[in-house]
Amino acid sequence: MKFDTNAMMSVSEANQNFSKACRLADQNGSTLILKNNAPKYILVEFSMYEKSHTVSDDELFAASAELMERNHHVYEELAK
Protein backbone atom coordinates (compact mmCIF):
# COMPACT_ATOMS: atom_id res chain seq x y z
CA MET A 1 0.00 0.00 0.00
CA LYS A 2 1.37 3.42 -0.95
CA PHE A 3 0.82 6.60 1.03
CA ASP A 4 1.31 10.24 0.17
CA THR A 5 4.05 11.61 2.41
CA ASN A 6 1.88 14.69 2.89
CA ALA A 7 -0.73 12.47 4.58
CA MET A 8 1.64 11.15 7.25
CA MET A 9 2.19 12.44 10.75
CA SER A 10 3.68 11.28 14.02
CA VAL A 11 1.59 10.02 16.92
CA SER A 12 2.59 13.04 18.99
CA GLU A 13 1.60 15.47 16.21
CA ALA A 14 -1.73 13.66 15.73
CA ASN A 15 -2.30 13.80 19.48
CA GLN A 16 -1.58 17.53 19.62
CA ASN A 17 -3.54 18.40 16.47
CA PHE A 18 -6.22 15.78 15.84
CA SER A 19 -8.25 18.15 13.67
CA LYS A 20 -5.27 18.37 11.27
CA ALA A 21 -5.12 14.56 11.11
CA CYS A 22 -8.84 14.49 10.28
CA ARG A 23 -8.43 17.15 7.58
CA LEU A 24 -5.61 15.13 6.01
CA ALA A 25 -7.82 12.04 6.01
CA ASP A 26 -10.63 14.03 4.37
CA GLN A 27 -8.29 15.40 1.70
CA ASN A 28 -6.31 12.23 0.97
CA GLY A 29 -8.67 9.43 1.93
CA SER A 30 -6.55 8.47 4.94
CA THR A 31 -3.84 9.64 7.30
CA LEU A 32 -0.94 7.36 8.16
CA ILE A 33 0.15 7.85 11.76
CA LEU A 34 3.72 6.88 12.58
CA LYS A 35 5.20 5.78 15.89
CA ASN A 36 9.00 5.73 16.10
CA ASN A 37 9.08 6.43 12.32
CA ALA A 38 7.16 3.23 11.56
CA PRO A 39 3.53 2.94 10.40
CA LYS A 40 1.30 2.31 13.39
CA TYR A 41 -2.25 3.53 12.67
CA ILE A 42 -4.41 4.58 9.74
CA LEU A 43 -7.13 7.19 10.19
CA VAL A 44 -9.93 6.76 7.64
CA GLU A 45 -13.48 7.99 7.27
CA PHE A 46 -15.92 5.42 8.69
CA SER A 47 -17.69 4.91 5.35
CA MET A 48 -14.33 3.95 3.79
CA TYR A 49 -13.73 1.46 6.61
CA GLU A 50 -17.16 -0.09 6.09
CA LYS A 51 -16.54 -0.48 2.35
CA SER A 52 -13.22 -2.20 2.94
CA HIS A 53 -14.81 -4.73 5.31
CA THR A 54 -17.91 -5.58 3.32
CA VAL A 55 -18.04 -8.53 0.96
CA SER A 56 -20.66 -8.87 -1.75
CA ASP A 57 -22.64 -12.10 -2.14
CA ASP A 58 -20.88 -12.77 -5.44
CA GLU A 59 -17.44 -12.45 -3.80
CA LEU A 60 -18.54 -14.71 -0.95
CA PHE A 61 -19.90 -17.38 -3.30
CA ALA A 62 -16.74 -17.22 -5.44
CA ALA A 63 -14.52 -17.67 -2.39
CA SER A 64 -16.67 -20.53 -1.14
CA ALA A 65 -16.59 -22.28 -4.51
CA GLU A 66 -12.81 -21.89 -4.69
CA LEU A 67 -12.36 -23.37 -1.21
CA MET A 68 -14.66 -26.29 -1.99
CA GLU A 69 -12.81 -26.95 -5.26
CA ARG A 70 -9.40 -26.74 -3.61
CA ASN A 71 -10.46 -28.99 -0.71
CA HIS A 72 -12.88 -31.33 -2.47
CA HIS A 73 -11.06 -34.40 -1.12
CA VAL A 74 -11.75 -33.25 2.44
CA TYR A 75 -15.45 -32.76 1.72
CA GLU A 76 -15.61 -36.22 0.12
CA GLU A 77 -14.03 -37.75 3.20
CA LEU A 78 -16.43 -35.91 5.50
CA ALA A 79 -19.40 -37.11 3.44
CA LYS A 80 -18.59 -40.77 4.16
PDB file of N, CA and C in Angstrom:
ATOM      1  N   MET A   1       0.837  -1.164   0.000  1.00  0.00           N
ATOM      2  CA  MET A   1       0.000   0.000   0.000  1.00  0.00           C
ATOM      3  C   MET A   1       0.894   1.243   0.000  1.00  0.00           C
ATOM      4  N   LYS A   2       0.586   2.197  -0.859  1.00  0.00           N
ATOM      5  CA  LYS A   2       1.372   3.420  -0.950  1.00  0.00           C
ATOM      6  C   LYS A   2       0.634   4.566  -0.279  1.00  0.00           C
ATOM      7  N   PHE A   3       1.381   5.448   0.362  1.00  0.00           N
ATOM      8  CA  PHE A   3       0.817   6.605   1.033  1.00  0.00           C
ATOM      9  C   PHE A   3       1.527   7.858   0.581  1.00  0.00           C
ATOM     10  N   ASP A   4       0.763   8.921   0.459  1.00  0.00           N
ATOM     11  CA  ASP A   4       1.314  10.236   0.166  1.00  0.00           C
ATOM     12  C   ASP A   4       2.048  10.718   1.414  1.00  0.00           C
ATOM     13  N   THR A   5       3.282  11.153   1.247  1.00  0.00           N
ATOM     14  CA  THR A   5       4.050  11.605   2.408  1.00  0.00           C
ATOM     15  C   THR A   5       3.417  12.834   3.058  1.00  0.00           C
ATOM     16  N   ASN A   6       2.573  13.542   2.311  1.00  0.00           N
ATOM     17  CA  ASN A   6       1.876  14.694   2.889  1.00  0.00           C
ATOM     18  C   ASN A   6       0.722  14.263   3.793  1.00  0.00           C
ATOM     19  N   ALA A   7       0.369  12.980   3.758  1.00  0.00           N
ATOM     20  CA  ALA A   7      -0.727  12.466   4.576  1.00  0.00           C
ATOM     21  C   ALA A   7      -0.189  11.586   5.700  1.00  0.00           C
ATOM     22  N   MET A   8       1.027  11.884   6.142  1.00  0.00           N
ATOM     23  CA  MET A   8       1.643  11.146   7.250  1.00  0.00           C
ATOM     24  C   MET A   8       1.939  12.114   8.381  1.00  0.00           C
ATOM     25  N   MET A   9       1.826  11.625   9.593  1.00  0.00           N
ATOM     26  CA  MET A   9       2.189  12.435  10.748  1.00  0.00           C
ATOM     27  C   MET A   9       2.548  11.520  11.913  1.00  0.00           C
ATOM     28  N   SER A  10       3.283  12.064  12.851  1.00  0.00           N
ATOM     29  CA  SER A  10       3.682  11.281  14.018  1.00  0.00           C
ATOM     30  C   SER A  10       2.514  11.172  14.993  1.00  0.00           C
ATOM     31  N   VAL A  11       2.602  10.196  15.884  1.00  0.00           N
ATOM     32  CA  VAL A  11       1.589  10.023  16.922  1.00  0.00           C
ATOM     33  C   VAL A  11       1.492  11.281  17.776  1.00  0.00           C
ATOM     34  N   SER A  12       2.624  11.849  18.136  1.00  0.00           N
ATOM     35  CA  SER A  12       2.588  13.043  18.993  1.00  0.00           C
ATOM     36  C   SER A  12       1.946  14.223  18.272  1.00  0.00           C
ATOM     37  N   GLU A  13       2.232  14.387  16.970  1.00  0.00           N
ATOM     38  CA  GLU A  13       1.597  15.469  16.214  1.00  0.00           C
ATOM     39  C   GLU A  13       0.093  15.230  16.092  1.00  0.00           C
ATOM     40  N   ALA A  14      -0.309  13.985  15.825  1.00  0.00           N
ATOM     41  CA  ALA A  14      -1.734  13.663  15.727  1.00  0.00           C
ATOM     42  C   ALA A  14      -2.427  13.899  17.064  1.00  0.00           C
ATOM     43  N   ASN A  15      -1.745  13.587  18.145  1.00  0.00           N
ATOM     44  CA  ASN A  15      -2.297  13.795  19.478  1.00  0.00           C
ATOM     45  C   ASN A  15      -2.487  15.287  19.761  1.00  0.00           C
ATOM     46  N   GLN A  16      -1.522  16.096  19.355  1.00  0.00           N
ATOM     47  CA  GLN A  16      -1.584  17.531  19.625  1.00  0.00           C
ATOM     48  C   GLN A  16      -2.528  18.261  18.670  1.00  0.00           C
ATOM     49  N   ASN A  17      -2.726  17.709  17.463  1.00  0.00           N
ATOM     50  CA  ASN A  17      -3.540  18.400  16.473  1.00  0.00           C
ATOM     51  C   ASN A  17      -4.407  17.392  15.717  1.00  0.00           C
ATOM     52  N   PHE A  18      -5.364  16.810  16.430  1.00  0.00           N
ATOM     53  CA  PHE A  18      -6.219  15.780  15.842  1.00  0.00           C
ATOM     54  C   PHE A  18      -7.049  16.315  14.681  1.00  0.00           C
ATOM     55  N   SER A  19      -7.463  17.572  14.759  1.00  0.00           N
ATOM     56  CA  SER A  19      -8.254  18.148  13.667  1.00  0.00           C
ATOM     57  C   SER A  19      -7.440  18.178  12.375  1.00  0.00           C
ATOM     58  N   LYS A  20      -6.130  18.398  12.458  1.00  0.00           N
ATOM     59  CA  LYS A  20      -5.266  18.367  11.270  1.00  0.00           C
ATOM     60  C   LYS A  20      -5.215  16.951  10.702  1.00  0.00           C
ATOM     61  N   ALA A  21      -5.128  15.956  11.564  1.00  0.00           N
ATOM     62  CA  ALA A  21      -5.118  14.557  11.114  1.00  0.00           C
ATOM     63  C   ALA A  21      -6.426  14.232  10.393  1.00  0.00           C
ATOM     64  N   CYS A  22      -7.534  14.722  10.920  1.00  0.00           N
ATOM     65  CA  CYS A  22      -8.839  14.487  10.279  1.00  0.00           C
ATOM     66  C   CYS A  22      -8.923  15.197   8.937  1.00  0.00           C
ATOM     67  N   ARG A  23      -8.427  16.429   8.849  1.00  0.00           N
ATOM     68  CA  ARG A  23      -8.427  17.153   7.577  1.00  0.00           C
ATOM     69  C   ARG A  23      -7.605  16.412   6.529  1.00  0.00           C
ATOM     70  N   LEU A  24      -6.440  15.899   6.939  1.00  0.00           N
ATOM     71  CA  LEU A  24      -5.606  15.130   6.013  1.00  0.00           C
ATOM     72  C   LEU A  24      -6.344  13.892   5.518  1.00  0.00           C
ATOM     73  N   ALA A  25      -7.052  13.226   6.404  1.00  0.00           N
ATOM     74  CA  ALA A  25      -7.821  12.041   6.007  1.00  0.00           C
ATOM     75  C   ALA A  25      -8.934  12.431   5.042  1.00  0.00           C
ATOM     76  N   ASP A  26      -9.579  13.557   5.280  1.00  0.00           N
ATOM     77  CA  ASP A  26     -10.625  14.029   4.367  1.00  0.00           C
ATOM     78  C   ASP A  26     -10.058  14.353   2.989  1.00  0.00           C
ATOM     79  N   GLN A  27      -8.898  14.981   2.959  1.00  0.00           N
ATOM     80  CA  GLN A  27      -8.291  15.403   1.697  1.00  0.00           C
ATOM     81  C   GLN A  27      -7.684  14.240   0.923  1.00  0.00           C
ATOM     82  N   ASN A  28      -7.079  13.288   1.625  1.00  0.00           N
ATOM     83  CA  ASN A  28      -6.305  12.230   0.975  1.00  0.00           C
ATOM     84  C   ASN A  28      -6.936  10.848   1.069  1.00  0.00           C
ATOM     85  N   GLY A  29      -8.039  10.727   1.763  1.00  0.00           N
ATOM     86  CA  GLY A  29      -8.673   9.426   1.930  1.00  0.00           C
ATOM     87  C   GLY A  29      -8.235   8.716   3.190  1.00  0.00           C
ATOM     88  N   SER A  30      -7.045   9.062   3.697  1.00  0.00           N
ATOM     89  CA  SER A  30      -6.550   8.468   4.939  1.00  0.00           C
ATOM     90  C   SER A  30      -5.358   9.269   5.442  1.00  0.00           C
ATOM     91  N   THR A  31      -5.039   9.067   6.705  1.00  0.00           N
ATOM     92  CA  THR A  31      -3.844   9.637   7.301  1.00  0.00           C
ATOM     93  C   THR A  31      -3.067   8.494   7.931  1.00  0.00           C
ATOM     94  N   LEU A  32      -1.804   8.378   7.578  1.00  0.00           N
ATOM     95  CA  LEU A  32      -0.943   7.360   8.165  1.00  0.00           C
ATOM     96  C   LEU A  32      -0.260   7.971   9.377  1.00  0.00           C
ATOM     97  N   ILE A  33      -0.427   7.346  10.520  1.00  0.00           N
ATOM     98  CA  ILE A  33       0.151   7.854  11.761  1.00  0.00           C
ATOM     99  C   ILE A  33       1.320   6.956  12.139  1.00  0.00           C
ATOM    100  N   LEU A  34       2.472   7.592  12.317  1.00  0.00           N
ATOM    101  CA  LEU A  34       3.718   6.879  12.579  1.00  0.00           C
ATOM    102  C   LEU A  34       4.089   6.923  14.055  1.00  0.00           C
ATOM    103  N   LYS A  35       4.653   5.825  14.529  1.00  0.00           N
ATOM    104  CA  LYS A  35       5.202   5.777  15.889  1.00  0.00           C
ATOM    105  C   LYS A  35       6.635   5.276  15.753  1.00  0.00           C
ATOM    106  N   ASN A  36       7.578   6.048  16.249  1.00  0.00           N
ATOM    107  CA  ASN A  36       9.000   5.732  16.099  1.00  0.00           C
ATOM    108  C   ASN A  36       9.361   5.545  14.627  1.00  0.00           C
ATOM    109  N   ASN A  37       8.829   6.415  13.775  1.00  0.00           N
ATOM    110  CA  ASN A  37       9.081   6.431  12.322  1.00  0.00           C
ATOM    111  C   ASN A  37       8.623   5.167  11.610  1.00  0.00           C
ATOM    112  N   ALA A  38       7.708   4.433  12.196  1.00  0.00           N
ATOM    113  CA  ALA A  38       7.165   3.232  11.561  1.00  0.00           C
ATOM    114  C   ALA A  38       5.634   3.353  11.534  1.00  0.00           C
ATOM    115  N   PRO A  39       4.989   2.881  10.460  1.00  0.00           N
ATOM    116  CA  PRO A  39       3.528   2.936  10.395  1.00  0.00           C
ATOM    117  C   PRO A  39       2.898   2.221  11.585  1.00  0.00           C
ATOM    118  N   LYS A  40       1.948   2.892  12.226  1.00  0.00           N
ATOM    119  CA  LYS A  40       1.298   2.308  13.393  1.00  0.00           C
ATOM    120  C   LYS A  40      -0.225   2.308  13.261  1.00  0.00           C
ATOM    121  N   TYR A  41      -0.801   3.407  12.776  1.00  0.00           N
ATOM    122  CA  TYR A  41      -2.250   3.533  12.669  1.00  0.00           C
ATOM    123  C   TYR A  41      -2.616   4.165  11.333  1.00  0.00           C
ATOM    124  N   ILE A  42      -3.851   3.921  10.902  1.00  0.00           N
ATOM    125  CA  ILE A  42      -4.408   4.584   9.737  1.00  0.00           C
ATOM    126  C   ILE A  42      -5.733   5.200  10.153  1.00  0.00           C
ATOM    127  N   LEU A  43      -5.885   6.480   9.897  1.00  0.00           N
ATOM    128  CA  LEU A  43      -7.127   7.193  10.187  1.00  0.00           C
ATOM    129  C   LEU A  43      -7.892   7.303   8.873  1.00  0.00           C
ATOM    130  N   VAL A  44      -9.086   6.710   8.842  1.00  0.00           N
ATOM    131  CA  VAL A  44      -9.927   6.762   7.642  1.00  0.00           C
ATOM    132  C   VAL A  44     -11.349   7.132   8.038  1.00  0.00           C
ATOM    133  N   GLU A  45     -12.071   7.679   7.068  1.00  0.00           N
ATOM    134  CA  GLU A  45     -13.480   7.987   7.272  1.00  0.00           C
ATOM    135  C   GLU A  45     -14.229   6.668   7.471  1.00  0.00           C
ATOM    136  N   PHE A  46     -15.221   6.649   8.347  1.00  0.00           N
ATOM    137  CA  PHE A  46     -15.916   5.418   8.687  1.00  0.00           C
ATOM    138  C   PHE A  46     -16.528   4.745   7.468  1.00  0.00           C
ATOM    139  N   SER A  47     -17.082   5.513   6.541  1.00  0.00           N
ATOM    140  CA  SER A  47     -17.692   4.909   5.348  1.00  0.00           C
ATOM    141  C   SER A  47     -16.650   4.152   4.525  1.00  0.00           C
ATOM    142  N   MET A  48     -15.408   4.644   4.506  1.00  0.00           N
ATOM    143  CA  MET A  48     -14.326   3.948   3.792  1.00  0.00           C
ATOM    144  C   MET A  48     -13.989   2.636   4.504  1.00  0.00           C
ATOM    145  N   TYR A  49     -13.993   2.671   5.817  1.00  0.00           N
ATOM    146  CA  TYR A  49     -13.725   1.461   6.605  1.00  0.00           C
ATOM    147  C   TYR A  49     -14.794   0.409   6.340  1.00  0.00           C
ATOM    148  N   GLU A  50     -16.059   0.839   6.342  1.00  0.00           N
ATOM    149  CA  GLU A  50     -17.164  -0.093   6.090  1.00  0.00           C
ATOM    150  C   GLU A  50     -17.031  -0.745   4.723  1.00  0.00           C
ATOM    151  N   LYS A  51     -16.700   0.053   3.708  1.00  0.00           N
ATOM    152  CA  LYS A  51     -16.544  -0.479   2.350  1.00  0.00           C
ATOM    153  C   LYS A  51     -15.438  -1.517   2.288  1.00  0.00           C
ATOM    154  N   SER A  52     -14.359  -1.280   3.007  1.00  0.00           N
ATOM    155  CA  SER A  52     -13.220  -2.198   2.942  1.00  0.00           C
ATOM    156  C   SER A  52     -13.475  -3.501   3.691  1.00  0.00           C
ATOM    157  N   HIS A  53     -14.515  -3.532   4.534  1.00  0.00           N
ATOM    158  CA  HIS A  53     -14.812  -4.735   5.313  1.00  0.00           C
ATOM    159  C   HIS A  53     -16.142  -5.383   4.937  1.00  0.00           C
ATOM    160  N   THR A  54     -16.662  -5.020   3.787  1.00  0.00           N
ATOM    161  CA  THR A  54     -17.914  -5.579   3.316  1.00  0.00           C
ATOM    162  C   THR A  54     -17.654  -6.434   2.091  1.00  0.00           C
ATOM    163  N   VAL A  55     -18.221  -7.612   2.073  1.00  0.00           N
ATOM    164  CA  VAL A  55     -18.041  -8.529   0.955  1.00  0.00           C
ATOM    165  C   VAL A  55     -19.395  -8.732   0.288  1.00  0.00           C
ATOM    166  N   SER A  56     -19.406  -8.650  -1.035  1.00  0.00           N
ATOM    167  CA  SER A  56     -20.663  -8.870  -1.752  1.00  0.00           C
ATOM    168  C   SER A  56     -20.980 -10.366  -1.766  1.00  0.00           C
ATOM    169  N   ASP A  57     -22.228 -10.691  -2.042  1.00  0.00           N
ATOM    170  CA  ASP A  57     -22.637 -12.096  -2.136  1.00  0.00           C
ATOM    171  C   ASP A  57     -21.847 -12.817  -3.220  1.00  0.00           C
ATOM    172  N   ASP A  58     -21.631 -12.152  -4.349  1.00  0.00           N
ATOM    173  CA  ASP A  58     -20.877 -12.773  -5.440  1.00  0.00           C
ATOM    174  C   ASP A  58     -19.453 -13.118  -5.014  1.00  0.00           C
ATOM    175  N   GLU A  59     -18.802 -12.191  -4.286  1.00  0.00           N
ATOM    176  CA  GLU A  59     -17.444 -12.446  -3.800  1.00  0.00           C
ATOM    177  C   GLU A  59     -17.431 -13.603  -2.805  1.00  0.00           C
ATOM    178  N   LEU A  60     -18.448 -13.645  -1.944  1.00  0.00           N
ATOM    179  CA  LEU A  60     -18.540 -14.707  -0.955  1.00  0.00           C
ATOM    180  C   LEU A  60     -18.752 -16.065  -1.617  1.00  0.00           C
ATOM    181  N   PHE A  61     -19.655 -16.129  -2.591  1.00  0.00           N
ATOM    182  CA  PHE A  61     -19.902 -17.384  -3.302  1.00  0.00           C
ATOM    183  C   PHE A  61     -18.663 -17.829  -4.082  1.00  0.00           C
ATOM    184  N   ALA A  62     -17.956 -16.890  -4.686  1.00  0.00           N
ATOM    185  CA  ALA A  62     -16.743 -17.222  -5.436  1.00  0.00           C
ATOM    186  C   ALA A  62     -15.668 -17.787  -4.506  1.00  0.00           C
ATOM    187  N   ALA A  63     -15.497 -17.174  -3.353  1.00  0.00           N
ATOM    188  CA  ALA A  63     -14.515 -17.665  -2.392  1.00  0.00           C
ATOM    189  C   ALA A  63     -14.899 -19.042  -1.875  1.00  0.00           C
ATOM    190  N   SER A  64     -16.182 -19.245  -1.607  1.00  0.00           N
ATOM    191  CA  SER A  64     -16.671 -20.533  -1.137  1.00  0.00           C
ATOM    192  C   SER A  64     -16.457 -21.615  -2.187  1.00  0.00           C
ATOM    193  N   ALA A  65     -16.778 -21.305  -3.433  1.00  0.00           N
ATOM    194  CA  ALA A  65     -16.586 -22.277  -4.512  1.00  0.00           C
ATOM    195  C   ALA A  65     -15.116 -22.627  -4.682  1.00  0.00           C
ATOM    196  N   GLU A  66     -14.255 -21.631  -4.575  1.00  0.00           N
ATOM    197  CA  GLU A  66     -12.812 -21.888  -4.692  1.00  0.00           C
ATOM    198  C   GLU A  66     -12.319 -22.797  -3.570  1.00  0.00           C
ATOM    199  N   LEU A  67     -12.761 -22.524  -2.344  1.00  0.00           N
ATOM    200  CA  LEU A  67     -12.361 -23.368  -1.214  1.00  0.00           C
ATOM    201  C   LEU A  67     -12.870 -24.795  -1.360  1.00  0.00           C
ATOM    202  N   MET A  68     -14.104 -24.950  -1.819  1.00  0.00           N
ATOM    203  CA  MET A  68     -14.656 -26.294  -1.991  1.00  0.00           C
ATOM    204  C   MET A  68     -13.911 -27.036  -3.103  1.00  0.00           C
ATOM    205  N   GLU A  69     -13.557 -26.323  -4.168  1.00  0.00           N
ATOM    206  CA  GLU A  69     -12.806 -26.947  -5.260  1.00  0.00           C
ATOM    207  C   GLU A  69     -11.410 -27.361  -4.789  1.00  0.00           C
ATOM    208  N   ARG A  70     -10.760 -26.476  -4.072  1.00  0.00           N
ATOM    209  CA  ARG A  70      -9.402 -26.735  -3.608  1.00  0.00           C
ATOM    210  C   ARG A  70      -9.366 -27.864  -2.578  1.00  0.00           C
ATOM    211  N   ASN A  71     -10.437 -28.001  -1.795  1.00  0.00           N
ATOM    212  CA  ASN A  71     -10.461 -28.986  -0.711  1.00  0.00           C
ATOM    213  C   ASN A  71     -11.518 -30.062  -0.928  1.00  0.00           C
ATOM    214  N   HIS A  72     -11.814 -30.376  -2.181  1.00  0.00           N
ATOM    215  CA  HIS A  72     -12.881 -31.334  -2.473  1.00  0.00           C
ATOM    216  C   HIS A  72     -12.631 -32.703  -1.835  1.00  0.00           C
ATOM    217  N   HIS A  73     -11.365 -33.105  -1.732  1.00  0.00           N
ATOM    218  CA  HIS A  73     -11.056 -34.400  -1.123  1.00  0.00           C
ATOM    219  C   HIS A  73     -11.455 -34.445   0.356  1.00  0.00           C
ATOM    220  N   VAL A  74     -11.355 -33.310   1.030  1.00  0.00           N
ATOM    221  CA  VAL A  74     -11.746 -33.253   2.438  1.00  0.00           C
ATOM    222  C   VAL A  74     -13.262 -33.378   2.571  1.00  0.00           C
ATOM    223  N   TYR A  75     -13.984 -32.673   1.692  1.00  0.00           N
ATOM    224  CA  TYR A  75     -15.449 -32.760   1.719  1.00  0.00           C
ATOM    225  C   TYR A  75     -15.929 -34.183   1.401  1.00  0.00           C
ATOM    226  N   GLU A  76     -15.239 -34.839   0.466  1.00  0.00           N
ATOM    227  CA  GLU A  76     -15.612 -36.216   0.123  1.00  0.00           C
ATOM    228  C   GLU A  76     -15.397 -37.132   1.306  1.00  0.00           C
ATOM    229  N   GLU A  77     -14.317 -36.938   2.023  1.00  0.00           N
ATOM    230  CA  GLU A  77     -14.029 -37.750   3.203  1.00  0.00           C
ATOM    231  C   GLU A  77     -15.064 -37.505   4.297  1.00  0.00           C
ATOM    232  N   LEU A  78     -15.431 -36.259   4.493  1.00  0.00           N
ATOM    233  CA  LEU A  78     -16.431 -35.914   5.500  1.00  0.00           C
ATOM    234  C   LEU A  78     -17.804 -36.470   5.162  1.00  0.00           C
ATOM    235  N   ALA A  79     -18.100 -36.611   3.877  1.00  0.00           N
ATOM    236  CA  ALA A  79     -19.401 -37.106   3.445  1.00  0.00           C
ATOM    237  C   ALA A  79     -19.575 -38.591   3.691  1.00  0.00           C
ATOM    238  N   LYS A  80     -18.501 -39.309   3.942  1.00  0.00           N
ATOM    239  CA  LYS A  80     -18.586 -40.769   4.158  1.00  0.00           C
ATOM    240  C   LYS A  80     -19.244 -41.097   5.470  1.00  0.00           C
TER     241      LYS A  80
END
